[in-house]
Amino acid sequence: MYRYDQTDRELLRQRTEQFRDQTRRYLAGELPEDDFRQLRLRNGLYQQRHAPMLRISVPYGLLGSAQLRAMAHVVRTYDKGYAHFTTRQNIQLNWPRLEQVPDLLAELAEVQLHSIQACGNDTRNITCDYLAGVAEDEQVDPRPYCELLRQFVALHPEFYWLPRKFKFGFSGATNDRAATRTNDAAVHVLRRGGAIGYRFFVGGGLGRLPMLGQEMNGFVPESDLLIYACAILRTFNRFGRRDNIHKARIKIVLREWGIERFRAAIETEYAKILASDEGEQLRLWPEDIARMAAHFSAPPYRPAHEAGADLEQPAAHEARFAAWLKRNVRAHKMPGYRVVFVSLKAPEQAPGDCTAEQFEALAALADAYSFGELRATYDQNLVLPDVAERDLHALWMRLEEARLATPNIGLTTDIVACPGLDFCGLANAGTIGVTHEIYRRFDSLEAQYDIGPIRITMSGCMNGCGHHSVGHIGILGVDKHGEEWYQVTLGGSPGNDAAIGERVGRALARSEIAEGIERLIHTYLELRSDEEETFLECYRRLGLAPFKARLYGTDTVADSEAEAA
């Protein structure tokens, strides 16, 4: 992982002390609320329903064991003993006291964590494929390019006061595991004819008007990453709307202009930068890329004959271990190694929450089994990326002790959800209670395995932090005269087959939503062509009608089958 040099450390120290003084002046009544608001947002601090919320940036989702131990200390000292992993691979604290935030940030700075530009109308935390560097289908490791871009845009004065927030997502593999096209700009690092370059998509975003990014340029040369990113940001900064916060994202410019005019504006700016002295300054030279790539070199893997193991025998004798192997362990590009997913979706646990004790356990496990490294995924789980097969059983036992071995990755109870009305000042409806109700209806592993891969996502408001728009089943909390109601969308997807879900119909009351989701899933089980057809495949084959009929109880299975036919 990238290690801060002395310049990085000094910048972070100065930034922390600057915010300490700003907070002191605000609390003393010397700094007006409106002025402090902009300063706190650019230091990751929101004012939520009950307390401030501090968002901690985790660039491309990568965490070291020292950072995990620091998080354990921080959540005990400054919060209520736990933190929340978000769909941006960030960490959020929901209960810090404002006067203690500068001390909190100073402690995080010691382990190279910060909250700079975690909020506000600037460039946010850059997300990335959580299997970068270890995936079998990877063409190019995108992490060095993520870090090069992060260093360029962080605190950049030109891109610090954009019309609205701006998000980058990276992938370097055949399969998009980072929901890249839901970002304002997606960067796919690829090889073409032996050369490395970037396929850029622009104009994605969820929220009130969910859109998927559209291709702007199919192959930008490797040297031009910062140049093309600058062209995109400069175009947005110039033409993005500042008169309406709900129409200020770059996707609105794309929708209002159309893709041809939009692409022409970016390409014109790109050519302009290339032809100027600025283009030479922003160009990435091979030595720049090699210097950064050295921070992401492979760990000292053991030979396959030392790392490998026969897992059939222990799996045959322990059903829970076998279930965990099946759902939470994936292939690795190195023989003898596996990728291990750590579920943050245990029963009665809020999706994405992690306690101080679990942070400490994860730090110890990362050191013991994964070269001191952990990754956050965009669906609120964690990954130990480099585990030797011979260590899998011992790791599983220790994860079990920490309530981190729930074998449900990609299944019905692996629900993605924002904190909702329990914490967020913007939310219209609760999410955590609904996820628990759905979980209880499908808590048996046999039922979940029968259902197969399915993505249920839930947001407490239109901002879409729970990615409801790209869930196979998406749930959106809405307010109706002070009561919590829930709209349902179907058919969304965040990956290679990215799609925005289709709204089914009227919202369901709080008392109806869990039962409604159960009806949708049973409809799928009854209408699927065979046991291999997934929920998404079934929905795309049959369309909305049979699911809508069953959701609202207006049709029988036989009628639904006839209508679909």
Protein backbone atom coordinates (compact mmCIF):
# COMPACT_ATOMS: atom_id res chain seq x y z
CA MET A 1 0.00 0.00 0.00
CA TYR A 2 1.08 3.61 -0.46
CA ARG A 3 3.21 4.90 2.43
CA TYR A 4 3.21 8.61 3.20
CA ASP A 5 6.52 10.42 2.83
CA GLN A 6 7.61 13.36 4.97
CA THR A 7 5.81 15.85 2.74
CA ASP A 8 2.56 13.91 3.05
CA ARG A 9 2.90 13.72 6.82
CA GLU A 10 3.64 17.41 7.21
CA LEU A 11 0.72 18.40 5.00
CA LEU A 12 -1.62 16.21 7.02
CA ARG A 13 -0.28 17.61 10.30
CA GLN A 14 -0.81 21.19 9.14
CA ARG A 15 -4.29 20.41 7.85
CA THR A 16 -5.27 18.84 11.17
CA GLU A 17 -4.01 21.82 13.17
CA GLN A 18 -5.78 24.21 10.80
CA PHE A 19 -9.08 22.44 11.44
CA ARG A 20 -8.39 22.40 15.18
CA ASP A 21 -8.18 26.21 15.12
CA GLN A 22 -11.29 26.51 12.96
CA THR A 23 -13.25 24.31 15.37
CA ARG A 24 -12.01 26.29 18.38
CA ARG A 25 -13.07 29.57 16.79
CA TYR A 26 -16.48 28.18 15.88
CA LEU A 27 -17.15 26.87 19.38
CA ALA A 28 -16.02 30.21 20.81
CA GLY A 29 -18.54 32.04 18.61
CA GLU A 30 -15.81 33.68 16.52
CA LEU A 31 -16.66 31.81 13.28
CA PRO A 32 -20.20 32.00 11.84
CA GLU A 33 -22.14 28.78 11.23
CA ASP A 34 -22.25 29.26 7.44
CA ASP A 35 -18.49 29.77 7.25
CA PHE A 36 -17.76 26.78 9.47
CA ARG A 37 -20.13 24.56 7.51
CA GLN A 38 -17.99 24.71 4.38
CA LEU A 39 -14.83 24.08 6.40
CA ARG A 40 -16.19 21.10 8.30
CA LEU A 41 -17.61 19.50 5.15
CA ARG A 42 -14.20 19.54 3.50
CA ASN A 43 -12.89 17.86 6.62
CA GLY A 44 -15.45 15.05 6.44
CA LEU A 45 -17.83 16.30 9.12
CA TYR A 46 -21.62 16.29 8.73
CA GLN A 47 -24.21 17.34 11.28
CA GLN A 48 -26.58 14.39 11.46
CA ARG A 49 -29.83 13.64 13.25
CA HIS A 50 -28.39 13.08 16.72
CA ALA A 51 -24.70 14.00 16.54
CA PRO A 52 -21.94 14.92 14.10
CA MET A 53 -20.96 12.21 11.63
CA LEU A 54 -17.29 11.96 10.66
CA ARG A 55 -16.45 10.27 7.37
CA ILE A 56 -12.94 8.85 7.14
CA SER A 57 -11.45 8.40 3.67
CA VAL A 58 -10.09 4.98 2.77
CA PRO A 59 -8.52 5.46 -0.67
CA TYR A 60 -9.44 2.54 -2.96
CA GLY A 61 -10.61 0.66 0.15
CA LEU A 62 -7.13 -0.39 1.33
CA LEU A 63 -6.37 -0.65 5.07
CA GLY A 64 -3.30 -1.82 6.97
CA SER A 65 -3.32 -3.57 10.33
CA ALA A 66 -1.97 -0.48 12.15
CA GLN A 67 -4.89 1.52 10.77
CA LEU A 68 -7.35 -1.14 11.95
CA ARG A 69 -5.91 -0.99 15.46
CA ALA A 70 -6.12 2.79 15.40
CA MET A 71 -9.78 2.52 14.40
CA ALA A 72 -10.44 0.22 17.35
CA HIS A 73 -8.96 2.82 19.69
CA VAL A 74 -10.81 5.70 18.02
CA VAL A 75 -14.26 4.12 18.16
CA ARG A 76 -13.77 3.27 21.83
CA THR A 77 -12.43 6.69 22.76
CA TYR A 78 -14.50 9.03 20.61
CA ASP A 79 -17.60 7.05 19.61
CA LYS A 80 -19.86 4.29 20.93
CA GLY A 81 -17.60 1.34 20.24
CA TYR A 82 -18.28 0.74 16.55
CA ALA A 83 -17.96 2.31 13.09
CA HIS A 84 -19.74 1.87 9.76
CA PHE A 85 -18.29 0.86 6.38
CA THR A 86 -19.99 2.64 3.47
CA THR A 87 -20.61 1.90 -0.20
CA ARG A 88 -17.75 4.30 -1.02
CA GLN A 89 -15.26 2.03 0.83
CA ASN A 90 -15.10 4.70 3.55
CA ILE A 91 -15.57 4.48 7.32
CA GLN A 92 -18.11 6.60 9.19
CA LEU A 93 -18.35 7.46 12.88
CA ASN A 94 -21.87 8.35 13.94
CA TRP A 95 -21.39 9.72 17.47
CA PRO A 96 -18.22 11.86 17.80
CA ARG A 97 -18.36 15.06 19.84
CA LEU A 98 -17.45 18.12 17.80
CA GLU A 99 -14.95 19.46 20.33
CA GLN A 100 -13.08 16.12 20.23
CA VAL A 101 -12.92 15.75 16.44
CA PRO A 102 -9.56 17.58 16.08
CA ASP A 103 -7.97 15.19 18.59
CA LEU A 104 -9.55 12.26 16.77
CA LEU A 105 -8.15 13.44 13.43
CA ALA A 106 -4.72 13.97 14.94
CA GLU A 107 -4.64 10.36 16.11
CA LEU A 108 -5.79 9.09 12.72
CA ALA A 109 -3.10 11.16 11.02
CA GLU A 110 -0.48 9.13 12.88
CA VAL A 111 -1.53 6.07 10.85
CA GLN A 112 -2.06 7.93 7.56
CA LEU A 113 -5.84 8.18 7.78
CA HIS A 114 -7.74 11.43 7.32
CA SER A 115 -11.10 12.88 6.34
CA ILE A 116 -9.95 15.47 3.82
CA GLN A 117 -12.55 15.93 1.05
CA ALA A 118 -14.70 13.13 2.41
CA CYS A 119 -17.66 15.52 2.07
CA GLY A 120 -18.33 18.78 0.23
CA ASN A 121 -18.45 19.81 -3.43
CA ASP A 122 -15.03 18.47 -4.32
CA THR A 123 -13.43 15.25 -5.52
CA ARG A 124 -14.35 12.48 -3.09
CA ASN A 125 -12.66 9.23 -2.06
CA ILE A 126 -11.55 7.26 -5.13
CA THR A 127 -12.97 3.73 -5.18
CA CYS A 128 -11.48 0.68 -6.83
CA ASP A 129 -11.90 -3.04 -7.49
CA TYR A 130 -11.48 -4.70 -4.09
CA LEU A 131 -9.63 -7.60 -5.77
CA ALA A 132 -7.04 -5.35 -7.42
CA GLY A 133 -3.70 -7.11 -7.64
CA VAL A 134 -5.05 -10.59 -6.82
CA ALA A 135 -7.87 -11.25 -9.32
CA GLU A 136 -7.44 -13.86 -12.02
CA ASP A 137 -9.23 -11.69 -14.59
CA GLU A 138 -7.13 -8.58 -14.02
CA GLN A 139 -5.49 -6.91 -17.01
CA VAL A 140 -3.72 -4.13 -15.10
CA ASP A 141 -3.51 -3.40 -11.37
CA PRO A 142 -5.41 -0.09 -11.09
CA ARG A 143 -4.17 0.91 -7.61
CA PRO A 144 -1.06 2.86 -8.69
CA TYR A 145 -3.23 4.90 -11.07
CA CYS A 146 -5.78 5.49 -8.29
CA GLU A 147 -3.05 6.89 -6.08
CA LEU A 148 -1.56 9.06 -8.83
CA LEU A 149 -4.97 10.58 -9.47
CA ARG A 150 -5.71 10.93 -5.75
CA GLN A 151 -2.54 12.92 -5.21
CA PHE A 152 -3.39 15.14 -8.17
CA VAL A 153 -6.95 16.04 -7.14
CA ALA A 154 -6.52 16.17 -3.35
CA LEU A 155 -6.62 19.82 -2.23
CA HIS A 156 -6.31 20.94 -5.86
CA PRO A 157 -7.44 24.59 -5.74
CA GLU A 158 -9.20 24.42 -9.11
CA PHE A 159 -11.30 21.40 -8.15
CA TYR A 160 -11.96 22.24 -4.51
CA TRP A 161 -15.21 24.18 -5.08
CA LEU A 162 -16.97 22.25 -7.83
CA PRO A 163 -20.67 22.70 -8.67
CA ARG A 164 -21.29 19.45 -6.78
CA LYS A 165 -19.42 16.43 -5.44
CA PHE A 166 -17.42 14.36 -7.93
CA LYS A 167 -16.56 10.66 -7.66
CA PHE A 168 -14.04 8.50 -9.53
CA GLY A 169 -14.19 4.68 -9.69
CA PHE A 170 -11.45 2.41 -11.09
CA SER A 171 -11.29 -1.11 -12.46
CA GLY A 172 -8.49 -2.99 -14.17
CA ALA A 173 -10.20 -6.32 -14.70
CA THR A 174 -12.54 -8.00 -17.15
CA ASN A 175 -15.30 -8.01 -14.52
CA ASP A 176 -16.36 -4.70 -13.01
CA ARG A 177 -16.46 -5.32 -9.25
CA ALA A 178 -16.40 -1.62 -8.33
CA ALA A 179 -19.75 -0.42 -9.73
CA THR A 180 -17.66 2.02 -11.73
CA ARG A 181 -20.40 3.33 -13.99
CA THR A 182 -22.37 4.62 -11.01
CA ASN A 183 -19.57 7.19 -10.55
CA ASP A 184 -19.27 10.65 -12.11
CA ALA A 185 -16.24 9.26 -13.92
CA ALA A 186 -15.24 5.61 -14.38
CA VAL A 187 -11.71 4.65 -15.38
CA HIS A 188 -11.13 1.17 -16.79
CA VAL A 189 -7.40 0.48 -17.01
CA LEU A 190 -6.76 -1.95 -19.85
CA ARG A 191 -4.29 -3.31 -22.37
CA ARG A 192 -4.72 -2.89 -26.09
CA GLY A 193 -2.12 -4.18 -28.52
CA GLY A 194 0.46 -4.38 -25.76
CA ALA A 195 -0.12 -0.77 -24.64
CA ILE A 196 -1.76 0.30 -21.39
CA GLY A 197 -4.50 2.92 -21.51
CA TYR A 198 -7.83 3.97 -20.04
CA ARG A 199 -11.43 3.63 -21.11
CA PHE A 200 -13.30 6.60 -19.64
CA PHE A 201 -17.00 6.69 -18.79
CA VAL A 202 -18.54 9.95 -17.58
CA GLY A 203 -21.89 11.08 -16.24
CA GLY A 204 -22.86 8.33 -13.85
CA GLY A 205 -24.47 8.85 -10.48
CA LEU A 206 -27.31 7.57 -8.33
CA GLY A 207 -29.54 9.74 -6.15
CA ARG A 208 -32.62 11.53 -7.48
CA LEU A 209 -31.89 10.86 -11.14
CA PRO A 210 -29.90 7.62 -11.34
CA MET A 211 -27.78 7.33 -14.47
CA LEU A 212 -24.95 5.13 -15.70
CA GLY A 213 -21.79 6.67 -17.05
CA GLN A 214 -21.49 6.84 -20.84
CA GLU A 215 -18.29 6.14 -22.76
CA MET A 216 -16.35 9.31 -23.55
CA ASN A 217 -13.10 7.87 -24.84
CA GLY A 218 -12.34 4.22 -25.53
CA PHE A 219 -8.56 4.45 -25.15
CA VAL A 220 -6.66 7.31 -23.53
CA PRO A 221 -2.88 6.65 -23.48
CA GLU A 222 -1.33 5.66 -20.16
CA SER A 223 0.61 8.91 -19.96
CA ASP A 224 -2.56 11.03 -20.12
CA LEU A 225 -4.50 9.94 -17.02
CA LEU A 226 -4.20 13.28 -15.23
CA ILE A 227 -4.68 15.26 -18.43
CA TYR A 228 -7.97 13.58 -19.35
CA ALA A 229 -9.21 13.68 -15.76
CA CYS A 230 -8.39 17.38 -15.69
CA ALA A 231 -10.34 17.90 -18.92
CA ILE A 232 -13.40 16.23 -17.40
CA LEU A 233 -13.22 18.17 -14.14
CA ARG A 234 -12.57 21.46 -15.91
CA THR A 235 -15.55 20.93 -18.21
CA PHE A 236 -17.75 20.15 -15.21
CA ASN A 237 -16.43 23.12 -13.25
CA ARG A 238 -17.20 25.44 -16.14
CA PHE A 239 -20.60 24.15 -17.25
CA GLY A 240 -22.05 22.38 -14.20
CA ARG A 241 -25.14 24.07 -12.80
CA ARG A 242 -24.72 26.00 -9.56
CA ASP A 243 -28.27 27.36 -9.37
CA ASN A 244 -29.93 24.15 -8.15
CA ILE A 245 -28.28 21.61 -5.86
CA HIS A 246 -30.50 18.84 -7.23
CA LYS A 247 -29.34 19.53 -10.81
CA ALA A 248 -25.68 20.23 -10.12
CA ARG A 249 -24.08 16.84 -10.86
CA ILE A 250 -22.17 16.23 -14.08
CA LYS A 251 -24.84 13.73 -15.17
CA ILE A 252 -27.26 16.67 -15.57
CA VAL A 253 -24.90 18.35 -18.02
CA LEU A 254 -24.73 15.10 -19.98
CA ARG A 255 -28.51 14.70 -19.99
CA GLU A 256 -29.20 18.29 -21.02
CA TRP A 257 -26.49 18.49 -23.68
CA GLY A 258 -26.59 15.00 -25.13
CA ILE A 259 -23.59 12.74 -25.42
CA GLU A 260 -22.13 14.16 -28.65
CA ARG A 261 -21.92 17.75 -27.44
CA PHE A 262 -20.75 16.59 -24.04
CA ARG A 263 -18.00 14.39 -25.48
CA ALA A 264 -16.90 17.16 -27.84
CA ALA A 265 -16.49 19.59 -24.94
CA ILE A 266 -14.30 17.16 -23.00
CA GLU A 267 -12.23 16.20 -26.03
CA THR A 268 -11.73 19.88 -26.92
CA GLU A 269 -10.45 20.59 -23.42
CA TYR A 270 -8.27 17.48 -23.56
CA ALA A 271 -6.68 18.60 -26.83
CA LYS A 272 -6.18 22.10 -25.44
CA ILE A 273 -4.29 20.80 -22.41
CA LEU A 274 -2.20 18.42 -24.54
CA ALA A 275 -1.07 21.31 -26.74
CA SER A 276 -0.01 23.49 -23.79
CA ASP A 277 2.85 23.54 -21.32
CA GLU A 278 0.37 22.24 -18.75
CA GLY A 279 0.11 19.02 -20.73
CA GLU A 280 3.82 18.38 -20.28
CA GLN A 281 3.52 19.07 -16.56
CA LEU A 282 0.62 16.65 -16.14
CA ARG A 283 1.99 13.88 -18.34
CA LEU A 284 2.83 10.64 -16.54
CA TRP A 285 6.26 9.39 -17.49
CA PRO A 286 7.25 5.71 -17.15
CA GLU A 287 9.35 6.52 -14.10
CA ASP A 288 6.35 8.18 -12.42
CA ILE A 289 4.25 5.07 -12.91
CA ALA A 290 7.07 2.72 -11.88
CA ARG A 291 7.67 4.74 -8.70
CA MET A 292 4.03 4.47 -7.71
CA ALA A 293 3.70 0.83 -8.77
CA ALA A 294 6.54 -0.04 -6.39
CA HIS A 295 4.21 0.80 -3.50
CA PHE A 296 1.85 -1.96 -4.68
CA SER A 297 4.30 -4.77 -5.36
CA ALA A 298 3.24 -8.33 -4.61
CA PRO A 299 3.86 -9.62 -1.07
CA PRO A 300 6.36 -12.47 -0.47
CA TYR A 301 4.11 -15.36 -1.44
CA ARG A 302 5.18 -18.84 -0.44
CA PRO A 303 5.57 -21.51 -3.14
CA ALA A 304 2.36 -23.35 -3.99
CA HIS A 305 3.58 -26.59 -2.38
CA GLU A 306 4.03 -24.74 0.94
CA ALA A 307 0.91 -22.56 0.82
CA GLY A 308 -1.53 -25.03 -0.69
CA ALA A 309 -3.74 -27.51 1.14
CA ASP A 310 -6.37 -30.16 0.53
CA LEU A 311 -9.57 -28.57 1.84
CA GLU A 312 -11.98 -31.38 1.02
CA GLN A 313 -11.35 -33.38 4.17
CA PRO A 314 -12.00 -30.64 6.76
CA ALA A 315 -14.95 -29.39 4.72
CA ALA A 316 -16.46 -32.88 4.70
CA HIS A 317 -16.34 -33.05 8.50
CA GLU A 318 -17.49 -29.49 9.32
CA ALA A 319 -20.61 -28.25 7.56
CA ARG A 320 -20.18 -24.63 8.67
CA PHE A 321 -16.60 -24.54 7.38
CA ALA A 322 -17.79 -26.05 4.10
CA ALA A 323 -20.51 -23.40 3.80
CA TRP A 324 -17.99 -20.65 4.49
CA LEU A 325 -15.59 -22.02 1.87
CA LYS A 326 -18.41 -22.10 -0.66
CA ARG A 327 -19.70 -18.56 -0.12
CA ASN A 328 -16.86 -16.48 1.35
CA VAL A 329 -13.72 -17.82 -0.32
CA ARG A 330 -12.69 -17.05 -3.90
CA ALA A 331 -9.90 -17.95 -6.30
CA HIS A 332 -6.58 -16.12 -6.28
CA LYS A 333 -4.19 -15.54 -9.15
CA MET A 334 -1.37 -17.17 -7.16
CA PRO A 335 -1.46 -20.98 -6.82
CA GLY A 336 -1.89 -22.03 -3.20
CA TYR A 337 -3.67 -18.80 -2.16
CA ARG A 338 -7.30 -17.71 -1.82
CA VAL A 339 -9.22 -14.48 -1.35
CA VAL A 340 -11.36 -14.44 1.81
CA PHE A 341 -14.47 -12.28 2.19
CA VAL A 342 -15.33 -11.16 5.71
CA SER A 343 -19.06 -10.69 6.12
CA LEU A 344 -20.28 -7.64 8.04
CA LYS A 345 -23.85 -8.96 7.73
CA ALA A 346 -24.28 -11.19 10.76
CA PRO A 347 -27.77 -11.67 12.23
CA GLU A 348 -29.09 -8.59 14.08
CA GLN A 349 -26.04 -6.56 12.97
CA ALA A 350 -26.52 -3.34 11.04
CA PRO A 351 -25.06 -3.85 7.53
CA GLY A 352 -21.50 -2.56 7.40
CA ASP A 353 -21.03 -2.01 11.14
CA CYS A 354 -17.78 -3.11 12.77
CA THR A 355 -17.08 -3.05 16.51
CA ALA A 356 -13.84 -2.08 18.24
CA GLU A 357 -13.27 -5.73 19.15
CA GLN A 358 -13.79 -6.75 15.53
CA PHE A 359 -11.34 -4.09 14.31
CA GLU A 360 -8.74 -5.53 16.70
CA ALA A 361 -9.49 -9.07 15.60
CA LEU A 362 -9.22 -8.09 11.94
CA ALA A 363 -5.88 -6.40 12.56
CA ALA A 364 -4.51 -9.55 14.17
CA LEU A 365 -5.90 -11.75 11.39
CA ALA A 366 -4.53 -9.49 8.66
CA ASP A 367 -1.08 -9.71 10.26
CA ALA A 368 -1.28 -13.46 10.77
CA TYR A 369 -2.80 -14.50 7.44
CA SER A 370 -2.80 -11.70 4.83
CA PHE A 371 0.47 -9.76 4.98
CA GLY A 372 -1.09 -7.09 7.21
CA GLU A 373 -3.66 -5.93 4.66
CA LEU A 374 -7.45 -5.69 4.49
CA ARG A 375 -9.79 -4.19 1.87
CA ALA A 376 -13.26 -2.68 2.13
CA THR A 377 -15.76 -3.57 -0.60
CA TYR A 378 -18.41 -1.26 -2.01
CA ASP A 379 -21.11 -3.62 -0.73
CA GLN A 380 -20.04 -3.11 2.90
CA ASN A 381 -18.02 -6.25 3.47
CA LEU A 382 -14.27 -6.75 3.89
CA VAL A 383 -11.61 -8.78 2.12
CA LEU A 384 -8.43 -10.51 3.30
CA PRO A 385 -6.77 -10.66 -0.12
CA ASP A 386 -3.82 -13.04 0.33
CA VAL A 387 -4.59 -16.08 2.47
CA ALA A 388 -2.67 -19.33 2.05
CA GLU A 389 -4.93 -22.35 1.65
CA ARG A 390 -3.18 -24.08 4.55
CA ASP A 391 -4.36 -21.23 6.84
CA LEU A 392 -8.02 -21.18 5.83
CA HIS A 393 -9.35 -23.44 8.57
CA ALA A 394 -7.48 -21.62 11.34
CA LEU A 395 -8.63 -18.28 9.93
CA TRP A 396 -12.24 -19.47 9.77
CA MET A 397 -12.19 -20.51 13.41
CA ARG A 398 -10.93 -17.10 14.50
CA LEU A 399 -13.46 -15.30 12.30
CA GLU A 400 -16.19 -17.41 13.87
CA GLU A 401 -15.12 -16.24 17.33
CA ALA A 402 -15.38 -12.61 16.18
CA ARG A 403 -18.82 -13.07 14.50
CA LEU A 404 -17.22 -12.34 11.13
CA ALA A 405 -17.68 -15.69 9.38
CA THR A 406 -21.34 -15.54 8.34
CA PRO A 407 -21.36 -17.54 5.05
CA ASN A 408 -23.70 -15.25 3.12
CA ILE A 409 -21.60 -13.28 0.64
CA GLY A 410 -23.79 -12.48 -2.39
CA LEU A 411 -26.89 -14.10 -0.87
CA THR A 412 -30.25 -12.85 0.40
CA THR A 413 -29.00 -11.67 3.78
CA ASP A 414 -25.96 -9.89 2.35
CA ILE A 415 -28.06 -6.72 2.23
CA VAL A 416 -26.48 -3.39 1.35
CA ALA A 417 -27.99 -0.51 3.33
CA CYS A 418 -27.22 3.01 4.50
CA PRO A 419 -27.74 3.82 8.23
CA GLY A 420 -31.11 5.40 7.43
CA LEU A 421 -33.37 7.23 9.85
CA ASP A 422 -31.58 5.83 12.90
CA PHE A 423 -28.69 8.24 12.26
CA CYS A 424 -28.92 10.27 9.08
CA GLY A 425 -30.44 13.74 9.10
CA LEU A 426 -31.41 13.39 5.43
CA ALA A 427 -33.19 10.04 5.70
CA ASN A 428 -36.95 9.64 5.28
CA ALA A 429 -37.22 6.10 6.58
CA GLY A 430 -35.41 3.50 8.62
CA THR A 431 -33.28 0.80 7.04
CA ILE A 432 -31.69 -1.24 9.80
CA GLY A 433 -34.95 -2.62 11.20
CA VAL A 434 -36.14 -3.60 7.72
CA THR A 435 -32.89 -5.44 6.97
CA HIS A 436 -33.29 -7.39 10.21
CA GLU A 437 -36.84 -8.39 9.27
CA ILE A 438 -35.76 -9.58 5.83
CA TYR A 439 -32.84 -11.44 7.37
CA ARG A 440 -35.14 -13.32 9.77
CA ARG A 441 -37.34 -14.46 6.88
CA PHE A 442 -34.35 -16.02 5.08
CA ASP A 443 -31.99 -16.85 7.93
CA SER A 444 -31.45 -20.53 7.04
CA LEU A 445 -28.47 -21.22 4.80
CA GLU A 446 -30.44 -23.87 2.91
CA ALA A 447 -33.03 -21.27 1.90
CA GLN A 448 -30.37 -18.78 0.87
CA TYR A 449 -28.46 -21.34 -1.20
CA ASP A 450 -31.69 -22.33 -2.94
CA ILE A 451 -32.36 -18.69 -3.83
CA GLY A 452 -28.80 -18.25 -5.06
CA PRO A 453 -27.01 -15.01 -5.97
CA ILE A 454 -29.15 -11.95 -5.37
CA ARG A 455 -28.40 -8.34 -4.57
CA ILE A 456 -30.82 -6.58 -2.21
CA THR A 457 -29.98 -2.92 -1.62
CA MET A 458 -31.68 -0.27 0.48
CA SER A 459 -31.49 3.51 0.88
CA GLY A 460 -33.26 5.65 3.46
CA CYS A 461 -33.67 8.58 1.07
CA MET A 462 -33.32 9.69 -2.55
CA ASN A 463 -29.57 10.31 -2.18
CA GLY A 464 -29.14 6.59 -2.79
CA CYS A 465 -26.18 5.89 -0.48
CA GLY A 466 -27.43 2.29 -0.23
CA HIS A 467 -27.28 1.86 -4.04
CA HIS A 468 -30.96 0.92 -4.26
CA SER A 469 -31.05 1.96 -7.94
CA VAL A 470 -28.65 -0.83 -8.92
CA GLY A 471 -30.00 -3.62 -6.73
CA HIS A 472 -31.59 -6.70 -8.23
CA ILE A 473 -34.20 -5.76 -5.65
CA GLY A 474 -33.88 -2.13 -4.59
CA ILE A 475 -35.70 -0.55 -1.67
CA LEU A 476 -36.08 3.21 -1.23
CA GLY A 477 -37.42 4.75 1.95
CA VAL A 478 -39.85 7.64 1.46
CA ASP A 479 -41.87 9.86 3.78
CA LYS A 480 -45.65 10.01 3.49
CA HIS A 481 -47.21 12.46 5.91
CA GLY A 482 -44.67 11.61 8.59
CA GLU A 483 -44.86 7.85 8.07
CA GLU A 484 -42.21 5.49 6.66
CA TRP A 485 -43.00 3.92 3.29
CA TYR A 486 -40.86 2.00 0.82
CA GLN A 487 -40.68 1.99 -2.97
CA VAL A 488 -39.35 -1.12 -4.73
CA THR A 489 -37.28 -1.31 -7.92
CA LEU A 490 -36.31 -4.46 -9.79
CA GLY A 491 -33.67 -5.43 -12.33
CA GLY A 492 -30.82 -3.10 -11.37
CA SER A 493 -27.19 -4.19 -11.57
CA PRO A 494 -23.85 -2.47 -10.87
CA GLY A 495 -21.42 -4.66 -12.83
CA ASN A 496 -20.61 -5.41 -16.47
CA ASP A 497 -24.34 -5.70 -17.17
CA ALA A 498 -25.02 -2.42 -15.36
CA ALA A 499 -28.64 -1.30 -15.33
CA ILE A 500 -30.86 1.06 -13.37
CA GLY A 501 -33.73 -0.76 -11.67
CA GLU A 502 -37.33 -0.28 -12.76
CA ARG A 503 -39.79 1.07 -10.21
CA VAL A 504 -42.53 -1.49 -9.59
CA GLY A 505 -45.42 0.70 -8.46
CA ARG A 506 -46.88 2.21 -5.32
CA ALA A 507 -44.85 2.30 -2.12
CA LEU A 508 -45.38 -0.27 0.62
CA ALA A 509 -45.96 0.61 4.26
CA ARG A 510 -43.37 -0.18 6.91
CA SER A 511 -45.43 -3.16 8.02
CA GLU A 512 -45.61 -4.54 4.45
CA ILE A 513 -42.11 -4.20 3.03
CA ALA A 514 -40.37 -7.32 4.42
CA GLU A 515 -43.32 -9.51 3.43
CA GLY A 516 -43.31 -7.86 0.00
CA ILE A 517 -39.65 -8.76 -0.54
CA GLU A 518 -40.43 -12.31 0.53
CA ARG A 519 -43.22 -12.51 -2.07
CA LEU A 520 -40.89 -11.27 -4.80
CA ILE A 521 -38.32 -13.92 -3.98
CA HIS A 522 -40.89 -16.70 -3.83
CA THR A 523 -42.23 -15.52 -7.19
CA TYR A 524 -38.75 -15.94 -8.62
CA LEU A 525 -38.38 -19.43 -7.10
CA GLU A 526 -41.69 -20.50 -8.64
CA LEU A 527 -41.12 -18.94 -12.08
CA ARG A 528 -37.43 -19.56 -12.74
CA SER A 529 -36.71 -21.84 -15.67
CA ASP A 530 -34.38 -24.06 -13.62
CA GLU A 531 -32.23 -23.93 -10.50
CA GLU A 532 -29.35 -22.36 -12.42
CA GLU A 533 -31.31 -19.27 -13.50
CA THR A 534 -30.53 -16.36 -11.18
CA PHE A 535 -33.05 -13.80 -9.94
CA LEU A 536 -31.72 -11.17 -12.33
CA GLU A 537 -31.79 -13.54 -15.30
CA CYS A 538 -35.33 -14.57 -14.45
CA TYR A 539 -36.47 -10.96 -14.14
CA ARG A 540 -34.90 -10.01 -17.45
CA ARG A 541 -36.54 -12.98 -19.15
CA LEU A 542 -40.03 -12.44 -17.75
CA GLY A 543 -40.14 -8.68 -17.28
CA LEU A 544 -41.85 -6.63 -14.57
CA ALA A 545 -45.45 -7.81 -14.89
CA PRO A 546 -45.45 -11.13 -12.98
CA PHE A 547 -43.38 -9.71 -10.14
CA LYS A 548 -45.54 -6.62 -9.86
CA ALA A 549 -48.70 -8.73 -9.75
CA ARG A 550 -47.38 -10.92 -6.95
CA LEU A 551 -45.91 -8.01 -4.98
CA TYR A 552 -49.31 -6.36 -4.67
CA GLY A 553 -51.23 -9.62 -4.32
CA THR A 554 -53.28 -9.10 -7.49
CA ASP A 555 -52.38 -12.32 -9.26
CA THR A 556 -51.72 -16.02 -8.76
CA VAL A 557 -48.64 -17.87 -9.86
CA ALA A 558 -50.55 -19.50 -12.71
CA ASP A 559 -51.80 -16.12 -13.90
CA SER A 560 -48.28 -14.71 -13.66
CA GLU A 561 -46.88 -17.54 -15.74
CA ALA A 562 -49.57 -17.03 -18.36
CA GLU A 563 -48.95 -13.29 -18.47
CA ALA A 564 -45.20 -13.80 -18.80
CA ALA A 565 -45.74 -16.28 -21.63
